[in-house]
Amino acid sequence: MIRAILLLLAFSLPLRAEEFPAFYMVTGVASDDVLNIRARPDAKSDVIGSFAPDASGVEVVAVSGRWALVSTREGSGYAALRFLEREPGPAWNSLQVPLACLGTEPFWSLEIDPATGEMRRQTPDDPQPSTTPLTVAWLGSARAPDMAVALKDGIAVLSAKECSDGMSDRRYGIAVQIFRSGVGYVDREVGCCSLASQ
């Protein structure tokens, strides 16, 4: 009877939802070996890169079965999930993790740095980055994962979803939309964000 109650409780408790993107570390790989990054989630797929056996700060964008979609500066690929362990730390949408966002046509960038309490934005019209205090933010939660930050002339809304910059093979785990308005202009920009190494 007690065993039946314990089983019932175990199945009724909510499982912790994994939030992506997130940083992972390589584990269980021999010191003289590497963790392969493959073109597709298949052990016979082409190897397109690798991680050292003690690598950390591996950005996992999504999980598909036994494979993790990982993002690197060179692009994206798949690594065996059994060799990756989530690093402790806050979720990306808690505004405790630095983020690097970019968009194309026109090219722009937005860096969100919670440690300094600042955002840095750069556009082709303004080659010197403009710095804005990070004063107003709407944080994400398990029920509402989107996050937003106020800009000096608008708002940036960040959503957890796969995103492509349209120019490279890299896949991102955060899509961003920036809505701006001022005297004589109304603008909307779209782009992708990644976790910035601390």
N, C-alpha and C. Protein backbone atom coordinates (compact mmCIF):
# COMPACT_ATOMS: atom_id res chain seq x y z
N MET A 1 0.82 -1.19 0.00
CA MET A 1 0.00 0.00 0.00
C MET A 1 0.87 1.26 0.00
N ILE A 2 1.90 1.28 0.88
CA ILE A 2 2.78 2.44 0.95
C ILE A 2 3.52 2.60 -0.38
N ARG A 3 3.95 1.47 -0.96
CA ARG A 3 4.67 1.54 -2.25
C ARG A 3 3.75 2.14 -3.32
N ALA A 4 2.48 1.77 -3.32
CA ALA A 4 1.54 2.31 -4.31
C ALA A 4 1.35 3.81 -4.13
N ILE A 5 1.29 4.27 -2.88
CA ILE A 5 1.14 5.71 -2.61
C ILE A 5 2.39 6.46 -3.06
N LEU A 6 3.58 5.91 -2.78
CA LEU A 6 4.82 6.56 -3.19
C LEU A 6 4.91 6.65 -4.72
N LEU A 7 4.51 5.58 -5.41
CA LEU A 7 4.52 5.61 -6.87
C LEU A 7 3.55 6.65 -7.41
N LEU A 8 2.37 6.74 -6.79
CA LEU A 8 1.38 7.72 -7.21
C LEU A 8 1.92 9.14 -7.02
N LEU A 9 2.57 9.39 -5.87
CA LEU A 9 3.15 10.70 -5.62
C LEU A 9 4.26 11.01 -6.62
N ALA A 10 5.08 10.04 -6.91
CA ALA A 10 6.19 10.25 -7.84
C ALA A 10 5.69 10.65 -9.22
N PHE A 11 4.61 10.00 -9.68
CA PHE A 11 4.09 10.32 -11.00
C PHE A 11 3.25 11.59 -11.02
N SER A 12 2.79 12.05 -9.87
CA SER A 12 1.96 13.26 -9.84
C SER A 12 2.78 14.52 -9.64
N LEU A 13 4.05 14.39 -9.20
CA LEU A 13 4.88 15.57 -9.00
C LEU A 13 5.31 16.13 -10.35
N PRO A 14 5.28 17.46 -10.52
CA PRO A 14 5.69 18.02 -11.80
C PRO A 14 7.19 17.86 -12.00
N LEU A 15 7.58 17.51 -13.21
CA LEU A 15 8.99 17.41 -13.54
C LEU A 15 9.54 18.80 -13.81
N ARG A 16 10.81 19.01 -13.47
CA ARG A 16 11.43 20.30 -13.72
C ARG A 16 11.60 20.46 -15.23
N ALA A 17 11.02 21.49 -15.77
CA ALA A 17 11.15 21.73 -17.20
C ALA A 17 12.53 22.28 -17.51
N GLU A 18 13.16 21.72 -18.51
CA GLU A 18 14.46 22.23 -18.93
C GLU A 18 14.23 23.50 -19.74
N GLU A 19 14.96 24.53 -19.41
CA GLU A 19 14.85 25.79 -20.14
C GLU A 19 16.08 25.94 -21.02
N PHE A 20 15.86 26.26 -22.27
CA PHE A 20 16.95 26.44 -23.22
C PHE A 20 16.85 27.83 -23.82
N PRO A 21 17.99 28.38 -24.19
CA PRO A 21 19.33 27.82 -24.13
C PRO A 21 19.89 27.81 -22.71
N ALA A 22 20.94 27.01 -22.53
CA ALA A 22 21.61 26.91 -21.23
C ALA A 22 23.04 26.43 -21.45
N PHE A 23 23.89 26.74 -20.47
CA PHE A 23 25.28 26.27 -20.54
C PHE A 23 25.39 24.87 -19.97
N TYR A 24 26.18 24.04 -20.65
CA TYR A 24 26.46 22.67 -20.22
C TYR A 24 27.96 22.47 -20.17
N MET A 25 28.39 21.41 -19.49
CA MET A 25 29.80 21.03 -19.47
C MET A 25 29.92 19.59 -19.98
N VAL A 26 31.07 19.31 -20.59
CA VAL A 26 31.34 17.96 -21.08
C VAL A 26 31.71 17.09 -19.89
N THR A 27 31.17 15.88 -19.86
CA THR A 27 31.44 14.95 -18.77
C THR A 27 31.50 13.52 -19.32
N GLY A 28 32.30 12.68 -18.68
CA GLY A 28 32.35 11.27 -19.07
C GLY A 28 33.15 10.99 -20.32
N VAL A 29 33.94 11.95 -20.80
CA VAL A 29 34.79 11.74 -21.97
C VAL A 29 36.22 11.55 -21.49
N ALA A 30 36.89 10.53 -22.00
CA ALA A 30 38.27 10.23 -21.59
C ALA A 30 39.17 11.44 -21.85
N SER A 31 40.20 11.59 -21.02
CA SER A 31 41.08 12.76 -21.11
C SER A 31 41.85 12.84 -22.43
N ASP A 32 41.98 11.73 -23.13
CA ASP A 32 42.69 11.74 -24.40
C ASP A 32 41.72 11.67 -25.60
N ASP A 33 40.46 12.02 -25.34
CA ASP A 33 39.42 11.94 -26.37
C ASP A 33 38.71 13.29 -26.47
N VAL A 34 37.75 13.40 -27.38
CA VAL A 34 36.94 14.61 -27.54
C VAL A 34 35.48 14.21 -27.68
N LEU A 35 34.60 15.18 -27.48
CA LEU A 35 33.18 14.98 -27.74
C LEU A 35 32.89 15.56 -29.12
N ASN A 36 32.50 14.69 -30.04
CA ASN A 36 32.26 15.12 -31.41
C ASN A 36 30.99 15.94 -31.55
N ILE A 37 31.05 16.91 -32.43
CA ILE A 37 29.87 17.66 -32.87
C ILE A 37 29.55 17.14 -34.26
N ARG A 38 28.31 16.70 -34.45
CA ARG A 38 27.93 16.08 -35.73
C ARG A 38 26.93 16.95 -36.48
N ALA A 39 26.90 16.76 -37.78
CA ALA A 39 26.03 17.57 -38.64
C ALA A 39 24.56 17.28 -38.38
N ARG A 40 24.25 16.05 -38.01
CA ARG A 40 22.87 15.66 -37.73
C ARG A 40 22.84 14.83 -36.45
N PRO A 41 21.68 14.66 -35.83
CA PRO A 41 21.60 13.84 -34.60
C PRO A 41 21.67 12.35 -34.91
N ASP A 42 22.87 11.92 -35.32
CA ASP A 42 23.08 10.54 -35.75
C ASP A 42 24.56 10.23 -35.56
N ALA A 43 24.87 9.13 -34.90
CA ALA A 43 26.27 8.76 -34.62
C ALA A 43 27.06 8.49 -35.90
N LYS A 44 26.40 8.28 -37.02
CA LYS A 44 27.11 8.05 -38.28
C LYS A 44 27.22 9.32 -39.12
N SER A 45 26.68 10.40 -38.62
CA SER A 45 26.72 11.66 -39.35
C SER A 45 28.13 12.25 -39.35
N ASP A 46 28.41 13.12 -40.30
CA ASP A 46 29.72 13.75 -40.40
C ASP A 46 30.08 14.52 -39.14
N VAL A 47 31.35 14.44 -38.73
CA VAL A 47 31.86 15.21 -37.60
C VAL A 47 32.24 16.60 -38.13
N ILE A 48 31.68 17.64 -37.53
CA ILE A 48 31.95 19.01 -37.99
C ILE A 48 32.72 19.84 -36.97
N GLY A 49 33.01 19.24 -35.82
CA GLY A 49 33.76 19.92 -34.77
C GLY A 49 33.85 19.04 -33.55
N SER A 50 34.42 19.58 -32.48
CA SER A 50 34.53 18.79 -31.25
C SER A 50 34.71 19.69 -30.05
N PHE A 51 34.45 19.14 -28.88
CA PHE A 51 34.70 19.80 -27.60
C PHE A 51 35.76 19.02 -26.85
N ALA A 52 36.60 19.72 -26.12
CA ALA A 52 37.60 19.07 -25.27
C ALA A 52 36.90 18.29 -24.16
N PRO A 53 37.57 17.29 -23.58
CA PRO A 53 36.92 16.46 -22.55
C PRO A 53 36.57 17.23 -21.27
N ASP A 54 37.16 18.40 -21.08
CA ASP A 54 36.86 19.21 -19.89
C ASP A 54 36.19 20.53 -20.26
N ALA A 55 35.59 20.60 -21.46
CA ALA A 55 34.98 21.85 -21.93
C ALA A 55 33.78 22.23 -21.05
N SER A 56 33.64 23.52 -20.83
CA SER A 56 32.46 24.05 -20.13
C SER A 56 31.95 25.23 -20.94
N GLY A 57 30.81 25.75 -20.54
CA GLY A 57 30.23 26.85 -21.29
C GLY A 57 29.74 26.46 -22.67
N VAL A 58 29.34 25.19 -22.82
CA VAL A 58 28.78 24.71 -24.08
C VAL A 58 27.32 25.16 -24.14
N GLU A 59 26.98 25.95 -25.14
CA GLU A 59 25.61 26.45 -25.23
C GLU A 59 24.72 25.43 -25.93
N VAL A 60 23.79 24.87 -25.16
CA VAL A 60 22.80 23.94 -25.71
C VAL A 60 21.55 24.74 -26.04
N VAL A 61 21.15 24.67 -27.31
CA VAL A 61 20.01 25.44 -27.80
C VAL A 61 18.71 24.66 -27.65
N ALA A 62 18.78 23.35 -27.85
CA ALA A 62 17.60 22.50 -27.76
C ALA A 62 18.06 21.05 -27.61
N VAL A 63 17.12 20.18 -27.26
CA VAL A 63 17.40 18.75 -27.13
C VAL A 63 16.42 17.99 -28.00
N SER A 64 16.95 17.02 -28.73
CA SER A 64 16.12 16.15 -29.56
C SER A 64 16.48 14.71 -29.23
N GLY A 65 15.66 14.05 -28.43
CA GLY A 65 15.94 12.67 -28.03
C GLY A 65 17.23 12.60 -27.23
N ARG A 66 18.20 11.85 -27.76
CA ARG A 66 19.48 11.67 -27.06
C ARG A 66 20.55 12.64 -27.54
N TRP A 67 20.14 13.67 -28.28
CA TRP A 67 21.09 14.61 -28.86
C TRP A 67 20.79 16.04 -28.43
N ALA A 68 21.87 16.80 -28.26
CA ALA A 68 21.75 18.21 -27.92
C ALA A 68 22.17 19.04 -29.12
N LEU A 69 21.36 20.01 -29.48
CA LEU A 69 21.74 20.97 -30.52
C LEU A 69 22.62 22.01 -29.84
N VAL A 70 23.89 22.07 -30.25
CA VAL A 70 24.85 22.97 -29.62
C VAL A 70 25.22 24.08 -30.59
N SER A 71 25.51 25.24 -30.03
CA SER A 71 25.87 26.40 -30.82
C SER A 71 27.30 26.80 -30.49
N THR A 72 28.10 27.04 -31.51
CA THR A 72 29.46 27.52 -31.34
C THR A 72 29.64 28.74 -32.25
N ARG A 73 30.75 29.41 -32.12
CA ARG A 73 31.01 30.57 -32.99
C ARG A 73 31.06 30.15 -34.45
N GLU A 74 31.49 28.94 -34.72
CA GLU A 74 31.63 28.47 -36.10
C GLU A 74 30.32 27.99 -36.71
N GLY A 75 29.35 27.65 -35.90
CA GLY A 75 28.09 27.14 -36.41
C GLY A 75 27.36 26.34 -35.35
N SER A 76 26.55 25.41 -35.79
CA SER A 76 25.78 24.57 -34.87
C SER A 76 25.85 23.12 -35.33
N GLY A 77 25.63 22.23 -34.38
CA GLY A 77 25.62 20.81 -34.67
C GLY A 77 25.06 20.05 -33.49
N TYR A 78 25.23 18.76 -33.51
CA TYR A 78 24.65 17.90 -32.48
C TYR A 78 25.73 17.15 -31.72
N ALA A 79 25.56 17.09 -30.40
CA ALA A 79 26.47 16.33 -29.53
C ALA A 79 25.63 15.37 -28.70
N ALA A 80 26.21 14.22 -28.39
CA ALA A 80 25.50 13.21 -27.60
C ALA A 80 25.20 13.76 -26.21
N LEU A 81 23.93 13.78 -25.87
CA LEU A 81 23.48 14.37 -24.61
C LEU A 81 24.04 13.65 -23.39
N ARG A 82 24.34 12.36 -23.51
CA ARG A 82 24.83 11.60 -22.35
C ARG A 82 26.21 12.09 -21.90
N PHE A 83 26.90 12.86 -22.74
CA PHE A 83 28.21 13.39 -22.36
C PHE A 83 28.15 14.87 -21.98
N LEU A 84 26.95 15.37 -21.74
CA LEU A 84 26.78 16.77 -21.36
C LEU A 84 25.99 16.86 -20.07
N GLU A 85 26.42 17.74 -19.19
CA GLU A 85 25.73 17.96 -17.91
C GLU A 85 25.47 19.45 -17.75
N ARG A 86 24.24 19.77 -17.39
CA ARG A 86 23.88 21.18 -17.24
C ARG A 86 24.69 21.84 -16.14
N GLU A 87 25.21 23.01 -16.43
CA GLU A 87 25.95 23.77 -15.42
C GLU A 87 24.95 24.44 -14.48
N PRO A 88 25.30 24.54 -13.21
CA PRO A 88 24.41 25.25 -12.29
C PRO A 88 24.37 26.73 -12.64
N GLY A 89 23.25 27.34 -12.39
CA GLY A 89 23.14 28.76 -12.66
C GLY A 89 21.73 29.15 -13.02
N PRO A 90 21.48 30.44 -13.08
CA PRO A 90 20.13 30.93 -13.36
C PRO A 90 19.72 30.71 -14.82
N ALA A 91 18.43 30.76 -15.07
CA ALA A 91 17.90 30.64 -16.43
C ALA A 91 18.25 31.89 -17.23
N TRP A 92 18.30 31.76 -18.54
CA TRP A 92 18.68 32.87 -19.42
C TRP A 92 17.75 34.07 -19.26
N ASN A 93 16.46 33.82 -18.93
CA ASN A 93 15.48 34.91 -18.88
C ASN A 93 15.31 35.51 -17.49
N SER A 94 16.27 35.25 -16.60
CA SER A 94 16.22 35.81 -15.24
C SER A 94 16.95 37.14 -15.15
N LEU A 95 17.56 37.57 -16.22
CA LEU A 95 18.38 38.77 -16.28
C LEU A 95 19.56 38.69 -15.32
N GLN A 96 20.11 37.48 -15.20
CA GLN A 96 21.32 37.27 -14.42
C GLN A 96 22.43 36.68 -15.29
N VAL A 97 22.13 36.50 -16.58
CA VAL A 97 23.07 35.92 -17.53
C VAL A 97 23.29 36.94 -18.65
N PRO A 98 24.55 37.26 -18.99
CA PRO A 98 24.77 38.20 -20.09
C PRO A 98 24.33 37.60 -21.43
N LEU A 99 23.77 38.45 -22.28
CA LEU A 99 23.27 38.01 -23.58
C LEU A 99 23.87 38.88 -24.69
N ALA A 100 24.13 38.27 -25.83
CA ALA A 100 24.64 38.99 -26.99
C ALA A 100 23.66 38.78 -28.14
N CYS A 101 23.07 39.87 -28.62
CA CYS A 101 22.06 39.80 -29.69
C CYS A 101 22.58 40.49 -30.94
N LEU A 102 22.10 40.03 -32.09
CA LEU A 102 22.49 40.66 -33.35
C LEU A 102 21.39 40.54 -34.36
N GLY A 103 21.40 41.45 -35.31
CA GLY A 103 20.43 41.43 -36.39
C GLY A 103 21.12 41.80 -37.69
N THR A 104 20.45 41.51 -38.79
CA THR A 104 21.02 41.80 -40.10
C THR A 104 20.07 42.68 -40.89
N GLU A 105 20.65 43.39 -41.84
CA GLU A 105 19.91 44.24 -42.78
C GLU A 105 18.90 45.15 -42.10
N PRO A 106 19.30 46.20 -41.46
CA PRO A 106 20.70 46.60 -41.27
C PRO A 106 21.32 45.84 -40.10
N PHE A 107 22.64 45.73 -40.12
CA PHE A 107 23.35 45.04 -39.05
C PHE A 107 23.29 45.87 -37.76
N TRP A 108 23.00 45.20 -36.67
CA TRP A 108 22.98 45.87 -35.37
C TRP A 108 23.35 44.84 -34.31
N SER A 109 23.73 45.33 -33.16
CA SER A 109 24.02 44.44 -32.03
C SER A 109 23.49 45.05 -30.75
N LEU A 110 23.18 44.17 -29.81
CA LEU A 110 22.72 44.58 -28.49
C LEU A 110 23.32 43.62 -27.47
N GLU A 111 24.08 44.16 -26.54
CA GLU A 111 24.66 43.35 -25.46
C GLU A 111 23.95 43.72 -24.17
N ILE A 112 23.48 42.71 -23.46
CA ILE A 112 22.81 42.91 -22.17
C ILE A 112 23.73 42.36 -21.10
N ASP A 113 24.21 43.22 -20.23
CA ASP A 113 25.21 42.84 -19.23
C ASP A 113 24.68 43.11 -17.82
N PRO A 114 24.05 42.11 -17.20
CA PRO A 114 23.51 42.31 -15.85
C PRO A 114 24.57 42.66 -14.81
N ALA A 115 25.80 42.20 -14.99
CA ALA A 115 26.86 42.46 -14.01
C ALA A 115 27.15 43.95 -13.88
N THR A 116 27.12 44.66 -15.01
CA THR A 116 27.37 46.11 -14.98
C THR A 116 26.07 46.91 -14.93
N GLY A 117 24.94 46.22 -15.16
CA GLY A 117 23.66 46.92 -15.18
C GLY A 117 23.50 47.80 -16.40
N GLU A 118 24.12 47.38 -17.52
CA GLU A 118 24.09 48.19 -18.73
C GLU A 118 23.75 47.36 -19.97
N MET A 119 23.27 48.07 -20.97
CA MET A 119 23.08 47.50 -22.30
C MET A 119 23.90 48.34 -23.27
N ARG A 120 24.53 47.68 -24.24
CA ARG A 120 25.29 48.38 -25.27
C ARG A 120 24.69 48.04 -26.63
N ARG A 121 24.35 49.07 -27.38
CA ARG A 121 23.71 48.89 -28.69
C ARG A 121 24.56 49.58 -29.75
N GLN A 122 24.71 48.90 -30.90
CA GLN A 122 25.49 49.46 -31.99
C GLN A 122 24.75 49.24 -33.30
N THR A 123 24.75 50.26 -34.16
CA THR A 123 24.10 50.18 -35.47
C THR A 123 25.05 50.77 -36.51
N PRO A 124 24.77 50.53 -37.81
CA PRO A 124 25.62 51.13 -38.84
C PRO A 124 25.61 52.65 -38.80
N ASP A 125 24.49 53.25 -38.37
CA ASP A 125 24.40 54.71 -38.29
C ASP A 125 25.20 55.27 -37.12
N ASP A 126 25.47 54.42 -36.14
CA ASP A 126 26.17 54.86 -34.94
C ASP A 126 27.27 53.84 -34.63
N PRO A 127 28.46 53.99 -35.28
CA PRO A 127 29.51 52.99 -35.09
C PRO A 127 30.04 52.89 -33.67
N GLN A 128 29.86 53.94 -32.87
CA GLN A 128 30.24 53.88 -31.46
C GLN A 128 29.06 53.31 -30.66
N PRO A 129 29.28 52.24 -29.90
CA PRO A 129 28.16 51.68 -29.13
C PRO A 129 27.58 52.70 -28.16
N SER A 130 26.25 52.74 -28.09
CA SER A 130 25.60 53.59 -27.09
C SER A 130 25.26 52.73 -25.88
N THR A 131 25.49 53.28 -24.72
CA THR A 131 25.26 52.55 -23.48
C THR A 131 24.01 53.08 -22.80
N THR A 132 23.18 52.15 -22.35
CA THR A 132 21.93 52.49 -21.67
C THR A 132 21.87 51.73 -20.35
N PRO A 133 21.47 52.40 -19.26
CA PRO A 133 21.30 51.67 -18.00
C PRO A 133 20.21 50.60 -18.13
N LEU A 134 20.44 49.48 -17.53
CA LEU A 134 19.47 48.39 -17.52
C LEU A 134 18.56 48.61 -16.31
N THR A 135 17.52 49.42 -16.52
CA THR A 135 16.70 49.84 -15.38
C THR A 135 15.33 49.18 -15.32
N VAL A 136 14.73 48.90 -16.48
CA VAL A 136 13.39 48.32 -16.49
C VAL A 136 13.43 47.01 -17.27
N ALA A 137 12.96 45.95 -16.64
CA ALA A 137 12.94 44.65 -17.30
C ALA A 137 11.73 43.85 -16.84
N TRP A 138 11.24 43.03 -17.75
CA TRP A 138 10.16 42.10 -17.44
C TRP A 138 10.78 40.71 -17.54
N LEU A 139 10.95 40.05 -16.41
CA LEU A 139 11.65 38.78 -16.37
C LEU A 139 10.74 37.63 -16.79
N GLY A 140 11.35 36.58 -17.31
CA GLY A 140 10.61 35.39 -17.70
C GLY A 140 10.38 34.48 -16.52
N SER A 141 9.45 33.54 -16.69
CA SER A 141 9.16 32.53 -15.66
C SER A 141 8.82 31.23 -16.37
N ALA A 142 8.58 30.18 -15.61
CA ALA A 142 8.23 28.89 -16.20
C ALA A 142 6.94 28.99 -17.00
N ARG A 143 5.99 29.79 -16.53
CA ARG A 143 4.71 29.91 -17.22
C ARG A 143 4.75 30.92 -18.36
N ALA A 144 5.62 31.91 -18.27
CA ALA A 144 5.74 32.95 -19.30
C ALA A 144 7.22 33.20 -19.55
N PRO A 145 7.85 32.38 -20.41
CA PRO A 145 9.30 32.42 -20.54
C PRO A 145 9.87 33.64 -21.25
N ASP A 146 9.05 34.40 -21.97
CA ASP A 146 9.59 35.57 -22.66
C ASP A 146 10.09 36.60 -21.66
N MET A 147 11.08 37.38 -22.10
CA MET A 147 11.65 38.44 -21.27
C MET A 147 11.71 39.71 -22.10
N ALA A 148 11.64 40.86 -21.47
CA ALA A 148 11.74 42.12 -22.20
C ALA A 148 12.57 43.11 -21.39
N VAL A 149 13.26 43.99 -22.11
CA VAL A 149 14.03 45.06 -21.47
C VAL A 149 13.68 46.36 -22.17
N ALA A 150 13.64 47.44 -21.40
CA ALA A 150 13.33 48.75 -21.94
C ALA A 150 14.59 49.38 -22.53
N LEU A 151 14.45 49.93 -23.73
CA LEU A 151 15.52 50.70 -24.36
C LEU A 151 15.20 52.17 -24.20
N LYS A 152 16.12 53.05 -24.54
CA LYS A 152 15.85 54.47 -24.38
C LYS A 152 14.76 54.96 -25.31
N ASP A 153 14.53 54.24 -26.43
CA ASP A 153 13.48 54.65 -27.37
C ASP A 153 12.54 53.51 -27.74
N GLY A 154 12.43 52.49 -26.86
CA GLY A 154 11.55 51.38 -27.17
C GLY A 154 11.70 50.21 -26.23
N ILE A 155 11.53 49.02 -26.78
CA ILE A 155 11.56 47.81 -25.96
C ILE A 155 12.13 46.66 -26.80
N ALA A 156 12.88 45.77 -26.16
CA ALA A 156 13.37 44.55 -26.78
C ALA A 156 12.68 43.37 -26.11
N VAL A 157 12.04 42.52 -26.91
CA VAL A 157 11.33 41.34 -26.41
C VAL A 157 12.10 40.11 -26.85
N LEU A 158 12.50 39.28 -25.88
CA LEU A 158 13.30 38.09 -26.16
C LEU A 158 12.46 36.84 -25.88
N SER A 159 12.48 35.90 -26.82
CA SER A 159 11.68 34.67 -26.70
C SER A 159 12.57 33.45 -26.90
N ALA A 160 12.31 32.41 -26.12
CA ALA A 160 13.06 31.16 -26.24
C ALA A 160 12.53 30.38 -27.42
N LYS A 161 13.22 30.48 -28.55
CA LYS A 161 12.86 29.70 -29.74
C LYS A 161 14.07 29.69 -30.66
N GLU A 162 14.16 28.63 -31.44
CA GLU A 162 15.28 28.53 -32.37
C GLU A 162 15.22 29.68 -33.36
N CYS A 163 16.40 30.20 -33.68
CA CYS A 163 16.50 31.40 -34.50
C CYS A 163 17.71 31.27 -35.41
N SER A 164 17.61 31.81 -36.61
CA SER A 164 18.72 31.81 -37.56
C SER A 164 19.00 33.24 -37.97
N ASP A 165 20.28 33.56 -38.13
CA ASP A 165 20.63 34.92 -38.56
C ASP A 165 20.50 35.07 -40.07
N GLY A 166 20.18 33.98 -40.78
CA GLY A 166 19.97 34.03 -42.21
C GLY A 166 21.25 34.13 -43.03
N MET A 167 22.40 34.15 -42.36
CA MET A 167 23.66 34.32 -43.08
C MET A 167 24.66 33.20 -42.80
N SER A 168 24.47 32.47 -41.71
CA SER A 168 25.43 31.44 -41.33
C SER A 168 24.69 30.15 -41.01
N ASP A 169 25.47 29.11 -40.67
CA ASP A 169 24.88 27.84 -40.27
C ASP A 169 24.60 27.79 -38.78
N ARG A 170 24.87 28.88 -38.08
CA ARG A 170 24.67 28.89 -36.64
C ARG A 170 23.19 29.03 -36.31
N ARG A 171 22.76 28.24 -35.33
CA ARG A 171 21.39 28.34 -34.84
C ARG A 171 21.43 28.84 -33.41
N TYR A 172 20.54 29.74 -33.12
CA TYR A 172 20.48 30.39 -31.81
C TYR A 172 19.26 29.89 -31.05
N GLY A 173 19.27 30.08 -29.73
CA GLY A 173 18.15 29.62 -28.90
C GLY A 173 17.21 30.72 -28.46
N ILE A 174 17.52 31.97 -28.84
CA ILE A 174 16.69 33.10 -28.43
C ILE A 174 16.43 33.98 -29.64
N ALA A 175 15.16 34.30 -29.88
CA ALA A 175 14.78 35.26 -30.92
C ALA A 175 14.47 36.59 -30.24
N VAL A 176 14.84 37.68 -30.88
CA VAL A 176 14.59 39.00 -30.30
C VAL A 176 13.88 39.89 -31.32
N GLN A 177 12.94 40.67 -30.82
CA GLN A 177 12.29 41.71 -31.61
C GLN A 177 12.48 43.02 -30.86
N ILE A 178 12.90 44.04 -31.59
CA ILE A 178 13.10 45.36 -31.00
C ILE A 178 12.10 46.32 -31.63
N PHE A 179 11.33 46.97 -30.80
CA PHE A 179 10.35 47.96 -31.25
C PHE A 179 10.84 49.33 -30.78
N ARG A 180 11.07 50.25 -31.73
CA ARG A 180 11.59 51.58 -31.39
C ARG A 180 10.72 52.66 -32.02
N SER A 181 10.60 53.78 -31.33
CA SER A 181 9.88 54.92 -31.89
C SER A 181 10.46 56.20 -31.32
N GLY A 182 10.34 57.24 -32.11
CA GLY A 182 10.82 58.55 -31.70
C GLY A 182 10.30 59.59 -32.66
N VAL A 183 10.86 60.77 -32.62
CA VAL A 183 10.42 61.85 -33.49
C VAL A 183 10.79 61.50 -34.93
N GLY A 184 9.77 61.29 -35.75
CA GLY A 184 9.99 61.02 -37.16
C GLY A 184 10.32 59.58 -37.51
N TYR A 185 10.27 58.65 -36.57
CA TYR A 185 10.54 57.25 -36.95
C TYR A 185 9.79 56.27 -36.06
N VAL A 186 9.43 55.16 -36.67
CA VAL A 186 8.90 53.99 -35.98
C VAL A 186 9.62 52.82 -36.63
N ASP A 187 10.22 51.96 -35.83
CA ASP A 187 11.08 50.92 -36.38
C ASP A 187 10.87 49.60 -35.64
N ARG A 188 11.02 48.51 -36.39
CA ARG A 188 10.97 47.17 -35.80
C ARG A 188 12.14 46.38 -36.36
N GLU A 189 12.92 45.78 -35.49
CA GLU A 189 14.08 44.99 -35.89
C GLU A 189 13.95 43.60 -35.31
N VAL A 190 14.45 42.62 -36.05
CA VAL A 190 14.44 41.23 -35.56
C VAL A 190 15.85 40.69 -35.59
N GLY A 191 16.11 39.74 -34.70
CA GLY A 191 17.44 39.15 -34.65
C GLY A 191 17.47 37.94 -33.74
N CYS A 192 18.67 37.52 -33.38
CA CYS A 192 18.88 36.34 -32.55
C CYS A 192 19.85 36.68 -31.42
N CYS A 193 19.74 35.95 -30.32
CA CYS A 193 20.62 36.17 -29.19
C CYS A 193 21.25 34.85 -28.75
N SER A 194 22.42 34.98 -28.15
CA SER A 194 23.10 33.81 -27.56
C SER A 194 23.53 34.17 -26.15
N LEU A 195 23.84 33.14 -25.38
CA LEU A 195 24.39 33.35 -24.04
C LEU A 195 25.81 33.84 -24.20
N ALA A 196 26.17 34.88 -23.48
CA ALA A 196 27.53 35.40 -23.55
C ALA A 196 28.34 34.79 -22.42
N SER A 197 29.55 34.35 -22.73
CA SER A 197 30.41 33.77 -21.71
C SER A 197 30.74 34.80 -20.65
N GLN A 198 30.74 34.35 -19.39
CA GLN A 198 31.02 35.26 -18.29
C GLN A 198 32.48 35.28 -17.96
